[in-house]
Amino acid sequence: MADEYRWLKYSALLYALGLGLHTVDHFRRGLDASTGQVLVAGNISTAIGITVVVMVIVGYRHAALLAAITGFPVAFGVAAVHLLPTWSAFSDTFVNAHNTGITAMSWTVVLIEIAGALAMGIAGFVIVRDQRTAQMNRHSS
């Protein structure tokens, strides 16, 4: 279990790195480069993400569950906002982006954030699954 939790911490730190750099990139591009809906959704996602990362780092007993619950939707949401062509007011697409300040660094930090969130979700899921399996085995013995 210690190795699994170590992977959860590493993935949370990778996600935090991507999240922080992605936030800096939004400021570099200018807040007016994104819709109000993207900014609100991003701020909510950031608040939740920071909270989960802190919970993982401090070893909160339900951190793995929180990581599993939040990692997948955050990865999906960031990918939907930035990697899909424009689909709604929740789009800040990097695909066919013109004059929005999108750079190779923008792509890199978003991909780091997505990979970190996905890895955090997977690591959290594995820990929760293993905890539940161990609990069921204790009860069946």
Protein backbone atom coordinates (compact mmCIF):
# COMPACT_ATOMS: atom_id res chain seq x y z
CA MET A 1 0.00 0.00 0.00
CA ALA A 2 2.91 2.36 0.68
CA ASP A 3 4.08 2.16 -2.94
CA GLU A 4 0.57 2.89 -4.20
CA TYR A 5 0.28 5.92 -1.94
CA ARG A 6 3.68 7.12 -3.13
CA TRP A 7 2.36 6.98 -6.72
CA LEU A 8 -0.70 8.92 -5.61
CA LYS A 9 1.57 11.63 -4.16
CA TYR A 10 3.72 11.75 -7.30
CA SER A 11 0.69 12.02 -9.55
CA ALA A 12 -0.84 14.71 -7.32
CA LEU A 13 2.40 16.68 -7.55
CA LEU A 14 2.48 16.26 -11.35
CA TYR A 15 -1.11 17.47 -11.52
CA ALA A 16 -0.31 20.42 -9.22
CA LEU A 17 2.66 21.35 -11.42
CA GLY A 18 0.51 21.28 -14.55
CA LEU A 19 -2.31 23.15 -12.82
CA GLY A 20 0.02 25.88 -11.59
CA LEU A 21 1.74 26.34 -14.93
CA HIS A 22 -1.59 26.26 -16.76
CA THR A 23 -2.89 29.00 -14.46
CA VAL A 24 0.20 31.10 -15.14
CA ASP A 25 -0.34 30.54 -18.88
CA HIS A 26 -3.91 31.85 -18.58
CA PHE A 27 -2.59 35.02 -16.97
CA ARG A 28 0.10 35.30 -19.67
CA ARG A 29 -2.52 35.01 -22.40
CA GLY A 30 -4.80 37.48 -20.61
CA LEU A 31 -8.00 36.65 -18.82
CA ASP A 32 -10.01 38.12 -21.68
CA ALA A 33 -8.74 35.28 -23.93
CA SER A 34 -11.22 32.93 -22.25
CA THR A 35 -14.98 33.16 -21.76
CA GLY A 36 -16.45 33.92 -18.36
CA GLN A 37 -17.77 30.37 -18.24
CA VAL A 38 -14.29 28.94 -18.78
CA LEU A 39 -12.86 31.17 -16.05
CA VAL A 40 -15.56 30.22 -13.54
CA ALA A 41 -15.26 26.50 -14.31
CA GLY A 42 -11.47 26.78 -14.16
CA ASN A 43 -11.56 28.55 -10.80
CA ILE A 44 -13.88 25.90 -9.34
CA SER A 45 -11.71 23.12 -10.74
CA THR A 46 -8.57 24.81 -9.40
CA ALA A 47 -10.03 25.19 -5.90
CA ILE A 48 -11.07 21.54 -5.84
CA GLY A 49 -7.75 20.44 -7.31
CA ILE A 50 -5.66 22.34 -4.78
CA THR A 51 -7.78 20.95 -1.96
CA VAL A 52 -7.34 17.36 -3.17
CA VAL A 53 -3.59 17.78 -3.70
CA VAL A 54 -3.21 19.14 -0.16
CA MET A 55 -5.28 16.25 1.20
CA VAL A 56 -3.05 13.76 -0.63
CA ILE A 57 0.17 15.40 0.54
CA VAL A 58 -0.88 15.58 4.20
CA GLY A 59 -2.13 11.99 4.09
CA TYR A 60 -5.81 12.62 4.80
CA ARG A 61 -7.45 9.22 5.25
CA HIS A 62 -9.93 9.74 2.40
CA ALA A 63 -7.42 11.36 0.04
CA ALA A 64 -7.35 8.39 -2.34
CA LEU A 65 -11.13 8.47 -2.66
CA LEU A 66 -11.09 12.23 -3.27
CA ALA A 67 -8.37 11.76 -5.91
CA ALA A 68 -10.37 9.01 -7.63
CA ILE A 69 -13.54 11.10 -7.61
CA THR A 70 -11.91 14.29 -8.90
CA GLY A 71 -8.99 13.16 -11.08
CA PHE A 72 -11.04 11.70 -13.92
CA PRO A 73 -13.56 14.57 -14.28
CA VAL A 74 -10.80 17.19 -14.08
CA ALA A 75 -8.77 15.43 -16.79
CA PHE A 76 -11.86 15.07 -18.96
CA GLY A 77 -12.97 18.66 -18.33
CA VAL A 78 -9.61 20.26 -19.09
CA ALA A 79 -9.32 18.14 -22.23
CA ALA A 80 -12.84 19.10 -23.33
CA VAL A 81 -12.20 22.80 -22.78
CA HIS A 82 -8.81 22.98 -24.49
CA LEU A 83 -8.37 20.01 -26.85
CA LEU A 84 -11.75 19.87 -28.62
CA PRO A 85 -12.78 22.28 -31.33
CA THR A 86 -15.11 25.04 -30.13
CA TRP A 87 -18.27 23.40 -28.86
CA SER A 88 -19.80 25.89 -26.39
CA ALA A 89 -19.11 28.84 -24.10
CA PHE A 90 -17.03 26.33 -22.09
CA SER A 91 -14.50 26.12 -24.93
CA ASP A 92 -11.06 27.69 -24.88
CA THR A 93 -9.84 25.58 -27.74
CA PHE A 94 -6.22 25.22 -28.66
CA VAL A 95 -7.33 23.59 -31.93
CA ASN A 96 -7.25 26.13 -34.76
CA ALA A 97 -6.62 28.87 -32.19
CA HIS A 98 -5.96 32.21 -33.85
CA ASN A 99 -4.50 35.24 -32.09
CA THR A 100 -5.19 33.87 -28.61
CA GLY A 101 -1.59 33.57 -27.46
CA ILE A 102 -1.52 29.77 -27.61
CA THR A 103 2.08 28.56 -27.67
CA ALA A 104 3.89 25.25 -27.43
CA MET A 105 4.17 25.99 -23.71
CA SER A 106 0.36 26.31 -23.51
CA TRP A 107 -0.02 22.86 -25.04
CA THR A 108 2.68 21.38 -22.82
CA VAL A 109 1.28 22.63 -19.51
CA VAL A 110 -2.28 21.60 -20.38
CA LEU A 111 -1.09 18.11 -21.30
CA ILE A 112 0.89 17.89 -18.04
CA GLU A 113 -2.21 18.92 -16.09
CA ILE A 114 -4.40 16.37 -17.90
CA ALA A 115 -1.85 13.58 -17.46
CA GLY A 116 -1.40 14.42 -13.77
CA ALA A 117 -5.15 14.55 -13.10
CA LEU A 118 -5.68 11.26 -14.93
CA ALA A 119 -2.77 9.61 -13.10
CA MET A 120 -4.09 10.92 -9.78
CA GLY A 121 -7.53 9.49 -10.55
CA ILE A 122 -6.07 6.12 -11.49
CA ALA A 123 -3.80 5.98 -8.42
CA GLY A 124 -6.68 6.96 -6.15
CA PHE A 125 -8.94 4.34 -7.74
CA VAL A 126 -6.31 1.59 -7.31
CA ILE A 127 -5.86 2.44 -3.63
CA VAL A 128 -9.61 2.54 -2.96
CA ARG A 129 -10.11 -0.74 -4.83
CA ASP A 130 -7.32 -2.41 -2.85
CA GLN A 131 -8.64 -1.05 0.44
CA ARG A 132 -12.13 -2.38 -0.32
CA THR A 133 -10.74 -5.77 -1.39
CA ALA A 134 -8.70 -6.04 1.81
CA GLN A 135 -11.74 -5.03 3.87
CA MET A 136 -13.92 -7.65 2.17
CA ASN A 137 -11.24 -10.30 2.71
CA ARG A 138 -11.06 -9.44 6.44
CA HIS A 139 -14.82 -9.71 6.78
CA SER A 140 -15.04 -13.01 4.91
CA SER A 141 -12.33 -14.65 7.00
